[in-house]
Amino acid sequence: MLKVALGWGAAVVATTVLGSFIQTQANLAAIARIYQPVSFGDRIGTTVFDLASFGPTWGLIVALGFLVAFLVAGGLARRWPRHRVWLFPLAGFTAVVTALLIIDAMLPITLIAAARSVMGQLLLSLAGAVGGWVYLQVVPQRQNGRI
């Protein structure tokens, strides 16, 4: 059980950091298109700032999504253990897509700027897939197929 909790936590952290990075760089790219180029130093500083300010909110969203998605993936992996290798990345991807759709439906504006484009949504969702892969690295498959 401890390994499962550690895997979930590692997946949340990986997705949070990667998603925050994607969000920051998407925002800075938009600024650079309409205003002026953004220096490397400003990119680093803004990335660190956003990780500290946007990261906790994004992390909570990811954590809740992964809680549900990984429980479902775990149930499916018990039934089909050979497919575990893609079930958890797919669960991470799906959790982020679902979270973005729920947020978009609940609010009059798209809260997460990177999610305003299909490419941004895809990149954030791929960060969720990376989280699912990280989970697999921390939580080894048992011989009987159970997680």
Protein backbone atom coordinates (compact mmCIF):
# COMPACT_ATOMS: atom_id res chain seq x y z
CA MET A 1 0.00 0.00 0.00
CA LEU A 2 2.89 2.36 0.75
CA LYS A 3 4.32 1.80 -2.73
CA VAL A 4 0.94 2.63 -4.26
CA ALA A 5 0.75 5.89 -2.27
CA LEU A 6 4.34 6.76 -3.21
CA GLY A 7 3.64 5.97 -6.86
CA TRP A 8 0.54 8.15 -6.83
CA GLY A 9 2.49 10.97 -5.16
CA ALA A 10 5.38 10.70 -7.61
CA ALA A 11 2.94 10.70 -10.53
CA VAL A 12 1.19 13.80 -9.15
CA VAL A 13 4.50 15.63 -8.66
CA ALA A 14 5.78 14.71 -12.13
CA THR A 15 2.56 15.80 -13.82
CA THR A 16 2.32 18.96 -11.73
CA VAL A 17 5.86 20.07 -12.53
CA LEU A 18 5.57 19.21 -16.22
CA GLY A 19 2.11 20.78 -16.51
CA SER A 20 3.22 23.94 -14.75
CA PHE A 21 6.19 24.16 -17.12
CA ILE A 22 3.90 23.74 -20.13
CA GLN A 23 1.50 26.38 -18.79
CA THR A 24 4.32 28.87 -18.21
CA GLN A 25 5.95 28.37 -21.57
CA ALA A 26 2.61 28.66 -23.38
CA ASN A 27 1.95 31.96 -21.62
CA LEU A 28 5.42 33.27 -22.38
CA ALA A 29 5.10 32.25 -26.03
CA ALA A 30 1.86 34.25 -26.24
CA ILE A 31 3.59 37.26 -24.65
CA ALA A 32 6.49 36.94 -27.08
CA ARG A 33 4.10 36.86 -30.06
CA ILE A 34 2.31 40.08 -29.13
CA TYR A 35 4.91 42.05 -27.25
CA GLN A 36 8.59 41.17 -27.39
CA PRO A 37 10.90 38.19 -27.00
CA VAL A 38 11.26 36.82 -23.48
CA SER A 39 14.81 36.31 -22.23
CA PHE A 40 16.03 32.95 -20.99
CA GLY A 41 16.49 34.40 -17.51
CA ASP A 42 12.91 35.66 -17.48
CA ARG A 43 11.72 32.25 -18.65
CA ILE A 44 13.55 30.54 -15.79
CA GLY A 45 12.33 33.05 -13.20
CA THR A 46 8.75 32.90 -14.41
CA THR A 47 8.82 29.10 -14.52
CA VAL A 48 9.98 28.92 -10.89
CA PHE A 49 7.41 31.54 -9.84
CA ASP A 50 4.59 29.71 -11.63
CA LEU A 51 5.60 26.39 -10.12
CA ALA A 52 5.24 27.97 -6.68
CA SER A 53 2.01 29.87 -7.46
CA PHE A 54 0.15 27.82 -10.09
CA GLY A 55 1.71 24.48 -9.11
CA PRO A 56 -0.26 23.85 -5.90
CA THR A 57 -3.62 24.46 -7.59
CA TRP A 58 -2.69 22.36 -10.59
CA GLY A 59 -1.29 19.69 -8.26
CA LEU A 60 -4.58 19.46 -6.38
CA ILE A 61 -6.49 19.10 -9.65
CA VAL A 62 -4.09 16.39 -10.83
CA ALA A 63 -4.13 14.61 -7.46
CA LEU A 64 -7.91 14.33 -7.43
CA GLY A 65 -8.02 13.22 -11.05
CA PHE A 66 -5.32 10.61 -10.53
CA LEU A 67 -7.05 9.27 -7.43
CA VAL A 68 -10.08 8.30 -9.49
CA ALA A 69 -8.24 7.38 -12.70
CA PHE A 70 -5.62 5.18 -11.02
CA LEU A 71 -8.28 3.33 -9.01
CA VAL A 72 -10.06 2.54 -12.26
CA ALA A 73 -6.80 1.61 -14.01
CA GLY A 74 -5.85 -0.60 -11.07
CA GLY A 75 -9.16 -2.45 -11.30
CA LEU A 76 -8.70 -2.93 -15.02
CA ALA A 77 -5.07 -4.01 -14.53
CA ARG A 78 -6.19 -6.73 -12.12
CA ARG A 79 -8.51 -8.03 -14.82
CA TRP A 80 -6.02 -7.58 -17.67
CA PRO A 81 -2.52 -7.53 -16.12
CA ARG A 82 -0.71 -7.60 -19.48
CA HIS A 83 -2.24 -4.23 -20.37
CA ARG A 84 -1.04 -2.50 -17.20
CA VAL A 85 1.82 -0.88 -19.11
CA TRP A 86 -0.58 1.34 -21.08
CA LEU A 87 -3.53 1.46 -18.67
CA PHE A 88 -1.86 3.84 -16.20
CA PRO A 89 -0.47 6.29 -18.79
CA LEU A 90 -3.91 6.26 -20.45
CA ALA A 91 -5.52 6.86 -17.05
CA GLY A 92 -3.20 9.83 -16.42
CA PHE A 93 -3.95 11.26 -19.85
CA THR A 94 -7.69 10.78 -19.36
CA ALA A 95 -7.64 12.29 -15.87
CA VAL A 96 -6.12 15.51 -17.19
CA VAL A 97 -8.45 15.69 -20.20
CA THR A 98 -11.43 15.15 -17.89
CA ALA A 99 -10.22 17.76 -15.41
CA LEU A 100 -9.73 20.33 -18.17
CA LEU A 101 -13.21 19.64 -19.56
CA ILE A 102 -14.80 19.93 -16.11
CA ILE A 103 -12.98 23.18 -15.37
CA ASP A 104 -13.97 24.57 -18.76
CA ALA A 105 -17.63 23.61 -18.22
CA MET A 106 -17.73 25.15 -14.73
CA LEU A 107 -16.14 28.51 -15.50
CA PRO A 108 -17.01 31.19 -18.05
CA ILE A 109 -13.35 31.44 -19.12
CA THR A 110 -10.62 28.89 -19.60
CA LEU A 111 -8.76 29.14 -16.31
CA ILE A 112 -5.62 27.39 -17.53
CA ALA A 113 -4.26 29.44 -20.39
CA ALA A 114 -2.35 26.57 -21.97
CA ALA A 115 -5.65 24.70 -22.31
CA ARG A 116 -7.07 27.38 -24.63
CA SER A 117 -5.60 25.57 -27.61
CA VAL A 118 -5.85 21.98 -28.75
CA MET A 119 -2.05 21.73 -28.66
CA GLY A 120 -1.98 23.01 -25.07
CA GLN A 121 -4.67 20.56 -24.02
CA LEU A 122 -2.77 17.75 -25.70
CA LEU A 123 0.52 18.71 -24.03
CA LEU A 124 -1.08 18.98 -20.58
CA SER A 125 -2.76 15.62 -21.12
CA LEU A 126 0.53 14.07 -22.22
CA ALA A 127 1.97 15.34 -18.93
CA GLY A 128 -0.74 13.22 -17.31
CA ALA A 129 0.39 10.22 -19.35
CA VAL A 130 3.93 10.82 -18.11
CA GLY A 131 2.52 10.76 -14.59
CA GLY A 132 0.94 7.39 -15.30
CA TRP A 133 4.28 6.11 -16.56
CA VAL A 134 6.00 7.42 -13.41
CA TYR A 135 3.45 5.51 -11.34
CA LEU A 136 4.42 2.31 -13.15
CA GLN A 137 8.09 2.92 -12.37
CA VAL A 138 7.41 3.21 -8.64
CA VAL A 139 4.76 0.49 -8.26
CA PRO A 140 5.99 -2.82 -9.65
CA GLN A 141 3.53 -5.38 -10.91
CA ARG A 142 3.07 -8.33 -8.58
CA GLN A 143 3.31 -11.84 -9.96
CA ASN A 144 -0.42 -12.41 -9.55
CA GLY A 145 -1.19 -9.30 -11.57
CA ARG A 146 -2.40 -7.24 -8.62
CA ILE A 147 -1.06 -3.76 -7.95
